């Protein structure tokens, strides 16, 4: 019995590792993903892209800005001149927070009055918004302590509330005032389901033909490569659009989530997103020899696509090298489009960069899939 089991084990290991692709999937890819994802996956919120509107522009107001940036949590990336320009930055996702300092800021503090500072945060990222507000409260508390210590000449206990100081912070979450997580996660789940349909299922489309032998019947027909790719991808495109429509119906009925922007632009972007995923899936399918290989390869592409999309972990907190890799991730751009259209209600004027990136990726993946497919048994 032991001899038979030993021979069976030898046979299975030989079968598993004799294929170069299988060795890559089993040994190399987990190590690569561990090395990359271990640096990228973090729940810390740092270097929050922040815009500062400071019409006061005095040493005291600049000192407050330095207080925000000194801890490493806020990073001032924009200094718009008007509130309207700052709002456009928040809508476009170029900043996650806006610090609004009033024009009489220094005069109010010097005269002993309470100066009010407003902080606007992007409420579509509800968890990050709550953490950002907590950071801001700590900054204002520290600033109040310094002001009180300078006036009284004595150190102020750290337990003093920021509301007792001369500086008052008014917090407001933009686009999601109550910071309800459903407005972020429900559109994100729709994006996950679309990439699951487009990548995991479609990746076995052509390799299934190879395994059951029907690919030979296709080869003797006058069908062209592009026509064959279209015939393989179109059913999954229709299925993905129907799935998205049904999920939005459920989101409306169960979670009261409405599409505040252009439905036409949303479905156009979803079509490009699915086509890009299908191009990548067909590329996997034409290079795999078995359905098992195709499914394993799709799985190892699917997990990094989700984790490095910004859906679970903020992209800005990842190492810079990893951030460059996320540029090739279609889900990253589609999440920006989904939240922009569904929650923020913005249009093409704001969303043209992610839509343009999606189109380029879709063209790239589909072109590679068509060029790699050959009507041969090899």
Protein backbone atom coordinates (compact mmCIF):
# COMPACT_ATOMS: atom_id res chain seq x y z
CA UNK A 1 0.00 0.00 0.00
CA UNK A 2 2.78 2.39 0.93
CA UNK A 3 4.56 1.62 -2.33
CA UNK A 4 1.44 2.34 -4.39
CA UNK A 5 0.78 5.59 -2.57
CA UNK A 6 4.42 6.62 -3.00
CA UNK A 7 4.33 5.96 -6.72
CA UNK A 8 1.04 7.86 -7.00
CA UNK A 9 2.57 10.81 -5.17
CA UNK A 10 5.60 10.77 -7.45
CA UNK A 11 3.33 10.67 -10.47
CA UNK A 12 1.22 13.62 -9.24
CA UNK A 13 4.25 15.75 -8.41
CA UNK A 14 5.84 15.02 -11.76
CA UNK A 15 2.61 15.91 -13.52
CA UNK A 16 2.28 19.10 -11.51
CA UNK A 17 5.79 20.42 -12.02
CA UNK A 18 6.63 19.23 -15.51
CA UNK A 19 4.73 22.18 -16.97
CA UNK A 20 6.59 25.49 -16.84
CA UNK A 21 3.36 27.47 -16.37
CA UNK A 22 2.29 25.29 -13.46
CA UNK A 23 5.67 25.75 -11.77
CA UNK A 24 5.29 29.50 -12.17
CA UNK A 25 1.78 29.47 -10.70
CA UNK A 26 2.62 27.22 -7.75
CA UNK A 27 6.05 28.52 -6.78
CA UNK A 28 6.89 31.90 -8.29
CA UNK A 29 3.62 33.85 -8.39
CA UNK A 30 2.78 33.46 -4.66
CA UNK A 31 6.25 34.73 -3.75
CA UNK A 32 5.97 37.70 -6.13
CA UNK A 33 2.50 38.59 -4.83
CA UNK A 34 3.70 38.31 -1.25
CA UNK A 35 6.64 40.60 -1.94
CA UNK A 36 4.48 43.21 -3.70
CA UNK A 37 1.22 43.07 -1.77
CA UNK A 38 2.86 43.03 1.67
CA UNK A 39 3.99 46.62 1.06
CA UNK A 40 0.78 47.74 -0.60
CA UNK A 41 -1.82 46.39 1.83
CA UNK A 42 -2.15 48.85 4.68
CA UNK A 43 -5.10 50.39 6.44
CA UNK A 44 -3.13 53.45 7.53
CA UNK A 45 -4.27 56.75 6.06
CA UNK A 46 -1.30 59.00 5.40
CA UNK A 47 -0.34 61.76 3.00
CA UNK A 48 -3.98 62.76 2.52
CA UNK A 49 -4.08 64.89 -0.62
CA UNK A 50 -5.32 68.24 0.69
CA UNK A 51 -6.23 71.56 -0.88
CA UNK A 52 -5.85 74.74 1.17
CA UNK A 53 -7.98 77.82 0.54
CA UNK A 54 -6.30 80.60 2.51
CA UNK A 55 -7.52 84.11 1.64
CA UNK A 56 -6.05 85.34 4.95
CA UNK A 57 -2.49 84.31 3.97
CA UNK A 58 -0.85 85.51 7.18
CA UNK A 59 1.89 83.98 9.32
CA UNK A 60 -0.78 82.67 11.68
CA UNK A 61 -2.74 80.93 8.91
CA UNK A 62 0.45 79.45 7.47
CA UNK A 63 1.33 78.21 10.93
CA UNK A 64 -2.00 76.36 11.05
CA UNK A 65 -1.28 74.76 7.66
CA UNK A 66 2.14 73.69 8.96
CA UNK A 67 0.39 72.14 11.94
CA UNK A 68 -1.71 70.02 9.57
CA UNK A 69 1.23 68.88 7.46
CA UNK A 70 3.71 68.40 10.30
CA UNK A 71 2.36 65.02 11.38
CA UNK A 72 2.65 63.38 7.96
CA UNK A 73 -1.07 62.72 7.68
CA UNK A 74 -1.98 65.71 5.49
CA UNK A 75 -0.09 66.63 2.33
CA UNK A 76 -0.97 69.97 0.74
CA UNK A 77 -0.96 69.32 -3.00
CA UNK A 78 -3.16 72.19 -4.20
CA UNK A 79 -3.71 75.82 -3.19
CA UNK A 80 -6.72 77.01 -5.18
CA UNK A 81 -7.65 80.66 -5.04
CA UNK A 82 -11.43 80.15 -4.79
CA UNK A 83 -13.87 77.78 -3.13
CA UNK A 84 -15.29 76.82 -6.53
CA UNK A 85 -11.89 75.73 -7.79
CA UNK A 86 -11.36 73.70 -4.62
CA UNK A 87 -14.73 72.02 -5.12
CA UNK A 88 -13.74 70.96 -8.63
CA UNK A 89 -10.59 69.35 -7.25
CA UNK A 90 -12.65 67.40 -4.74
CA UNK A 91 -15.11 66.28 -7.42
CA UNK A 92 -12.28 65.10 -9.66
CA UNK A 93 -10.70 63.11 -6.85
CA UNK A 94 -7.43 65.08 -7.07
CA UNK A 95 -7.74 65.92 -3.37
CA UNK A 96 -9.44 64.12 -0.49
CA UNK A 97 -9.81 67.10 1.83
CA UNK A 98 -10.12 70.88 1.72
CA UNK A 99 -8.99 73.19 4.53
CA UNK A 100 -10.88 76.50 4.33
CA UNK A 101 -9.32 79.31 6.37
CA UNK A 102 -11.40 82.52 6.61
CA UNK A 103 -9.97 85.86 5.50
CA UNK A 104 -10.24 87.33 9.04
CA UNK A 105 -8.49 84.38 10.67
CA UNK A 106 -5.54 86.20 12.27
CA UNK A 107 -7.56 89.26 13.28
CA UNK A 108 -10.08 87.07 15.11
CA UNK A 109 -7.38 85.25 17.06
CA UNK A 110 -5.55 88.45 17.97
CA UNK A 111 -8.74 90.11 19.18
CA UNK A 112 -9.64 87.13 21.37
CA UNK A 113 -12.52 85.95 19.22
CA UNK A 114 -13.12 82.40 18.06
CA UNK A 115 -11.87 81.77 14.53
CA UNK A 116 -13.71 79.15 12.51
CA UNK A 117 -11.86 76.81 10.13
CA UNK A 118 -13.76 74.49 7.83
CA UNK A 119 -12.62 71.04 6.75
CA UNK A 120 -14.36 69.37 3.80
CA UNK A 121 -13.62 65.68 3.19
CA UNK A 122 -14.58 63.35 0.35
CA UNK A 123 -17.41 61.32 1.86
CA UNK A 124 -17.37 58.66 -0.85
CA UNK A 125 -14.47 57.06 1.04
CA UNK A 126 -16.40 56.86 4.28
CA UNK A 127 -13.73 55.08 6.35
CA UNK A 128 -10.95 57.39 5.18
CA UNK A 129 -13.18 60.41 5.74
CA UNK A 130 -13.84 59.43 9.36
CA UNK A 131 -10.12 58.91 9.97
CA UNK A 132 -9.33 62.24 8.30
CA UNK A 133 -11.79 64.05 10.57
CA UNK A 134 -10.21 62.40 13.59
CA UNK A 135 -6.76 63.56 12.48
CA UNK A 136 -8.06 67.09 11.97
CA UNK A 137 -9.55 67.19 15.46
CA UNK A 138 -6.17 66.22 16.91
CA UNK A 139 -4.43 68.93 14.89
CA UNK A 140 -6.85 71.63 16.04
CA UNK A 141 -6.57 70.46 19.65
CA UNK A 142 -2.78 70.72 19.45
CA UNK A 143 -2.99 74.15 17.82
CA UNK A 144 -5.38 75.40 20.51
CA UNK A 145 -3.05 74.19 23.22
CA UNK A 146 -0.16 76.12 21.71
CA UNK A 147 -2.21 79.30 21.42
CA UNK A 148 -3.45 79.04 25.00
CA UNK A 149 0.05 78.29 26.26
CA UNK A 150 1.40 81.35 24.42
CA UNK A 151 -1.25 83.59 25.99
CA UNK A 152 -1.08 82.25 29.54
CA UNK A 153 2.60 81.43 29.60
CA UNK A 154 1.79 77.98 30.98
CA UNK A 155 1.58 74.57 29.38
CA UNK A 156 -1.97 73.38 28.76
CA UNK A 157 -2.90 69.80 29.58
CA UNK A 158 -3.34 67.61 26.53
CA UNK A 159 -6.74 66.54 27.71
CA UNK A 160 -8.28 69.94 27.08
CA UNK A 161 -11.01 69.87 24.44
CA UNK A 162 -10.48 71.73 21.19
CA UNK A 163 -13.88 73.36 21.64
CA UNK A 164 -12.54 75.37 24.63
CA UNK A 165 -9.78 76.96 22.56
CA UNK A 166 -9.79 80.01 20.31
CA UNK A 167 -9.98 77.93 17.15
CA UNK A 168 -13.19 76.19 16.13
CA UNK A 169 -13.18 73.43 13.49
CA UNK A 170 -16.31 72.79 11.43
CA UNK A 171 -16.35 69.38 9.73
CA UNK A 172 -18.40 68.43 6.68
CA UNK A 173 -18.34 65.31 4.52
CA UNK A 174 -18.90 66.14 0.84
CA UNK A 175 -21.16 63.86 -1.28
CA UNK A 176 -21.85 61.59 1.72
CA UNK A 177 -22.74 63.74 4.75
CA UNK A 178 -23.51 60.81 7.07
CA UNK A 179 -20.41 58.83 6.02
CA UNK A 180 -22.46 55.75 5.18
CA UNK A 181 -20.15 53.04 3.87
CA UNK A 182 -22.78 51.65 1.48
CA UNK A 183 -22.19 54.54 -0.93
CA UNK A 184 -18.60 53.38 -1.33
CA UNK A 185 -18.81 49.59 -1.10
CA UNK A 186 -21.91 48.89 -3.20
CA UNK A 187 -20.53 50.48 -6.42
CA UNK A 188 -17.21 48.81 -5.63
CA UNK A 189 -18.87 45.39 -5.39
CA UNK A 190 -20.44 45.94 -8.81
CA UNK A 191 -16.97 46.60 -10.23
CA UNK A 192 -15.69 43.42 -8.58
CA UNK A 193 -18.51 41.32 -10.06
CA UNK A 194 -17.86 42.72 -13.53
CA UNK A 195 -14.17 41.86 -13.43
CA UNK A 196 -15.05 38.42 -12.05
CA UNK A 197 -17.35 37.74 -14.99
CA UNK A 198 -15.00 39.24 -17.52
CA UNK A 199 -11.78 37.63 -16.32
CA UNK A 200 -12.46 34.39 -14.46
CA UNK A 201 -15.24 33.03 -16.66
CA UNK A 202 -14.12 34.26 -20.07
CA UNK A 203 -10.53 33.06 -19.52
CA UNK A 204 -11.71 29.49 -20.11
CA UNK A 205 -13.57 30.29 -23.34
CA UNK A 206 -10.94 29.29 -25.92
CA UNK A 207 -9.07 26.73 -23.83
CA UNK A 208 -12.33 24.83 -23.38
CA UNK A 209 -12.50 24.50 -27.15
CA UNK A 210 -9.00 23.03 -27.12
CA UNK A 211 -9.77 20.46 -24.44
CA UNK A 212 -13.00 19.12 -25.95
CA UNK A 213 -11.60 19.21 -29.49
CA UNK A 214 -14.08 21.61 -31.09
CA UNK A 215 -11.30 24.13 -31.80
CA UNK A 216 -10.33 21.95 -34.78
CA UNK A 217 -13.75 22.46 -36.33
CA UNK A 218 -13.34 26.21 -35.97
CA UNK A 219 -9.92 26.13 -37.60
CA UNK A 220 -11.23 24.70 -40.86
CA UNK A 221 -13.84 27.45 -41.22
CA UNK A 222 -13.10 30.75 -42.99
CA UNK A 223 -13.71 32.72 -39.77
CA UNK A 224 -11.03 35.31 -39.04
CA UNK A 225 -9.19 35.88 -35.79
CA UNK A 226 -10.98 39.13 -34.98
CA UNK A 227 -14.37 37.56 -35.75
CA UNK A 228 -13.56 34.61 -33.51
CA UNK A 229 -12.53 36.92 -30.64
CA UNK A 230 -15.72 38.96 -31.06
CA UNK A 231 -17.84 35.83 -31.02
CA UNK A 232 -16.15 34.69 -27.83
CA UNK A 233 -16.36 38.01 -25.98
CA UNK A 234 -19.77 39.34 -26.99
CA UNK A 235 -21.82 36.90 -24.85
CA UNK A 236 -19.79 37.80 -21.76
CA UNK A 237 -20.19 41.51 -22.54
CA UNK A 238 -23.97 41.16 -22.71
CA UNK A 239 -23.96 39.06 -19.53
CA UNK A 240 -21.87 41.65 -17.72
CA UNK A 241 -24.17 44.52 -18.70
CA UNK A 242 -27.24 42.58 -17.57
CA UNK A 243 -25.54 41.73 -14.28
CA UNK A 244 -24.66 45.37 -13.68
CA UNK A 245 -28.21 46.47 -14.42
CA UNK A 246 -29.67 43.94 -11.98
CA UNK A 247 -27.19 44.91 -9.28
CA UNK A 248 -28.10 48.58 -9.65
CA UNK A 249 -31.77 47.65 -9.30
CA UNK A 250 -30.97 45.78 -6.08
CA UNK A 251 -28.85 48.71 -4.88
CA UNK A 252 -31.79 51.05 -5.45
CA UNK A 253 -34.36 48.80 -3.76
CA UNK A 254 -32.32 47.64 -0.77
CA UNK A 255 -29.85 50.46 -0.15
CA UNK A 256 -31.59 53.45 -1.77
CA UNK A 257 -28.52 54.17 -3.90
CA UNK A 258 -29.36 56.21 -6.97
CA UNK A 259 -27.28 57.03 -10.01
CA UNK A 260 -26.91 60.79 -9.70
CA UNK A 261 -24.88 61.27 -12.89
CA UNK A 262 -25.27 60.29 -16.55
CA UNK A 263 -26.53 56.74 -17.05
CA UNK A 264 -25.34 56.83 -20.67
CA UNK A 265 -21.79 57.67 -19.59
CA UNK A 266 -21.94 54.98 -16.92
CA UNK A 267 -22.92 52.23 -19.37
CA UNK A 268 -20.39 53.45 -21.92
CA UNK A 269 -17.63 53.27 -19.30
CA UNK A 270 -18.84 49.86 -18.14
CA UNK A 271 -18.69 48.59 -21.72
CA UNK A 272 -15.09 49.74 -22.08
CA UNK A 273 -14.26 48.24 -18.66
CA UNK A 274 -15.73 44.84 -19.54
CA UNK A 275 -14.08 44.82 -22.96
CA UNK A 276 -10.70 45.44 -21.34
CA UNK A 277 -11.25 42.60 -18.89
CA UNK A 278 -12.38 40.32 -21.72
CA UNK A 279 -9.29 41.18 -23.74
CA UNK A 280 -7.11 40.19 -20.80
CA UNK A 281 -9.17 37.01 -20.28
CA UNK A 282 -8.85 35.97 -23.94
CA UNK A 283 -5.12 36.65 -23.75
CA UNK A 284 -4.94 34.22 -20.81
CA UNK A 285 -7.14 31.73 -22.63
CA UNK A 286 -5.14 31.60 -25.87
CA UNK A 287 -1.87 31.06 -24.00
CA UNK A 288 -3.17 28.34 -21.63
CA UNK A 289 -3.34 24.68 -22.56
CA UNK A 290 -5.89 23.49 -20.02
CA UNK A 291 -8.85 25.02 -18.21
CA UNK A 292 -7.02 24.49 -14.94
CA UNK A 293 -4.12 26.61 -16.14
CA UNK A 294 -6.46 29.31 -17.38
CA UNK A 295 -8.45 29.37 -14.14
CA UNK A 296 -5.36 29.51 -11.93
CA UNK A 297 -3.81 32.28 -14.02
CA UNK A 298 -7.07 34.25 -13.92
CA UNK A 299 -7.24 33.83 -10.14
CA UNK A 300 -3.71 35.14 -9.65
CA UNK A 301 -4.54 38.13 -11.84
CA UNK A 302 -7.90 38.71 -10.15
CA UNK A 303 -6.65 39.05 -6.58
CA UNK A 304 -4.03 41.75 -7.29
CA UNK A 305 -6.50 43.54 -9.56
CA UNK A 306 -8.93 43.89 -6.64
CA UNK A 307 -6.38 44.59 -3.91
CA UNK A 308 -4.44 47.13 -5.98
CA UNK A 309 -7.48 48.98 -7.29
CA UNK A 310 -7.95 51.24 -4.26
CA UNK A 311 -11.19 49.47 -3.34
CA UNK A 312 -9.86 48.07 -0.05
CA UNK A 313 -6.58 49.92 0.49
CA UNK A 314 -5.84 53.52 -0.60
CA UNK A 315 -3.52 53.67 -3.60
CA UNK A 316 -1.83 56.82 -2.29
CA UNK A 317 -0.60 54.89 0.77
CA UNK A 318 1.12 52.24 -1.37
CA UNK A 319 4.81 52.44 -2.34
CA UNK A 320 5.42 54.58 -5.41
CA UNK A 321 6.55 51.60 -7.49
CA UNK A 322 3.30 49.76 -6.72
CA UNK A 323 1.31 52.88 -7.57
CA UNK A 324 2.82 52.83 -11.07
CA UNK A 325 1.75 49.20 -11.49
CA UNK A 326 -1.84 50.14 -10.64
CA UNK A 327 -1.96 52.25 -13.80
CA UNK A 328 -2.34 48.98 -15.76
CA UNK A 329 -5.29 47.90 -13.60
CA UNK A 330 -8.65 48.58 -15.32
CA UNK A 331 -10.53 48.27 -12.04
CA UNK A 332 -8.66 51.22 -10.56
CA UNK A 333 -10.00 53.56 -13.23
CA UNK A 334 -13.50 52.08 -13.24
CA UNK A 335 -13.85 52.60 -9.49
CA UNK A 336 -13.11 56.30 -9.97
CA UNK A 337 -15.72 56.44 -12.73
CA UNK A 338 -18.33 54.55 -10.69
CA UNK A 339 -18.00 56.75 -7.63
CA UNK A 340 -17.82 59.87 -9.77
CA UNK A 341 -21.03 59.12 -11.68
CA UNK A 342 -23.08 57.23 -9.09
CA UNK A 343 -22.25 59.23 -5.96
CA UNK A 344 -20.80 62.58 -7.06
CA UNK A 345 -22.86 63.04 -10.23
CA UNK A 346 -19.93 64.43 -12.24
CA UNK A 347 -19.60 64.07 -15.99
CA UNK A 348 -17.08 63.66 -18.78
CA UNK A 349 -15.42 67.01 -18.07
CA UNK A 350 -14.17 65.62 -14.76
CA UNK A 351 -13.87 61.91 -15.60
CA UNK A 352 -12.08 62.06 -18.95
CA UNK A 353 -8.68 60.96 -17.49
CA UNK A 354 -9.90 57.60 -16.07
CA UNK A 355 -12.14 57.02 -19.09
CA UNK A 356 -9.23 57.68 -21.42
CA UNK A 357 -7.01 55.30 -19.42
CA UNK A 358 -9.71 52.63 -19.65
CA UNK A 359 -9.95 52.98 -23.42
CA UNK A 360 -6.18 52.66 -23.83
CA UNK A 361 -6.06 49.53 -21.66
CA UNK A 362 -9.00 47.94 -23.48
CA UNK A 363 -7.36 48.59 -26.88
CA UNK A 364 -4.05 47.21 -25.59
CA UNK A 365 -5.50 43.97 -24.16
CA UNK A 366 -7.78 43.30 -27.14
CA UNK A 367 -4.95 43.93 -29.60
CA UNK A 368 -2.68 41.52 -27.75
CA UNK A 369 -5.45 38.91 -27.63
CA UNK A 370 -6.10 39.14 -31.39
CA UNK A 371 -2.42 39.04 -32.32
CA UNK A 372 -1.63 36.12 -30.01
CA UNK A 373 -4.51 33.96 -31.24
CA UNK A 374 -3.58 31.66 -34.09
CA UNK A 375 -5.82 29.21 -35.86
CA UNK A 376 -3.42 26.36 -35.35
CA UNK A 377 -3.27 23.40 -33.03
CA UNK A 378 -0.18 24.92 -31.43
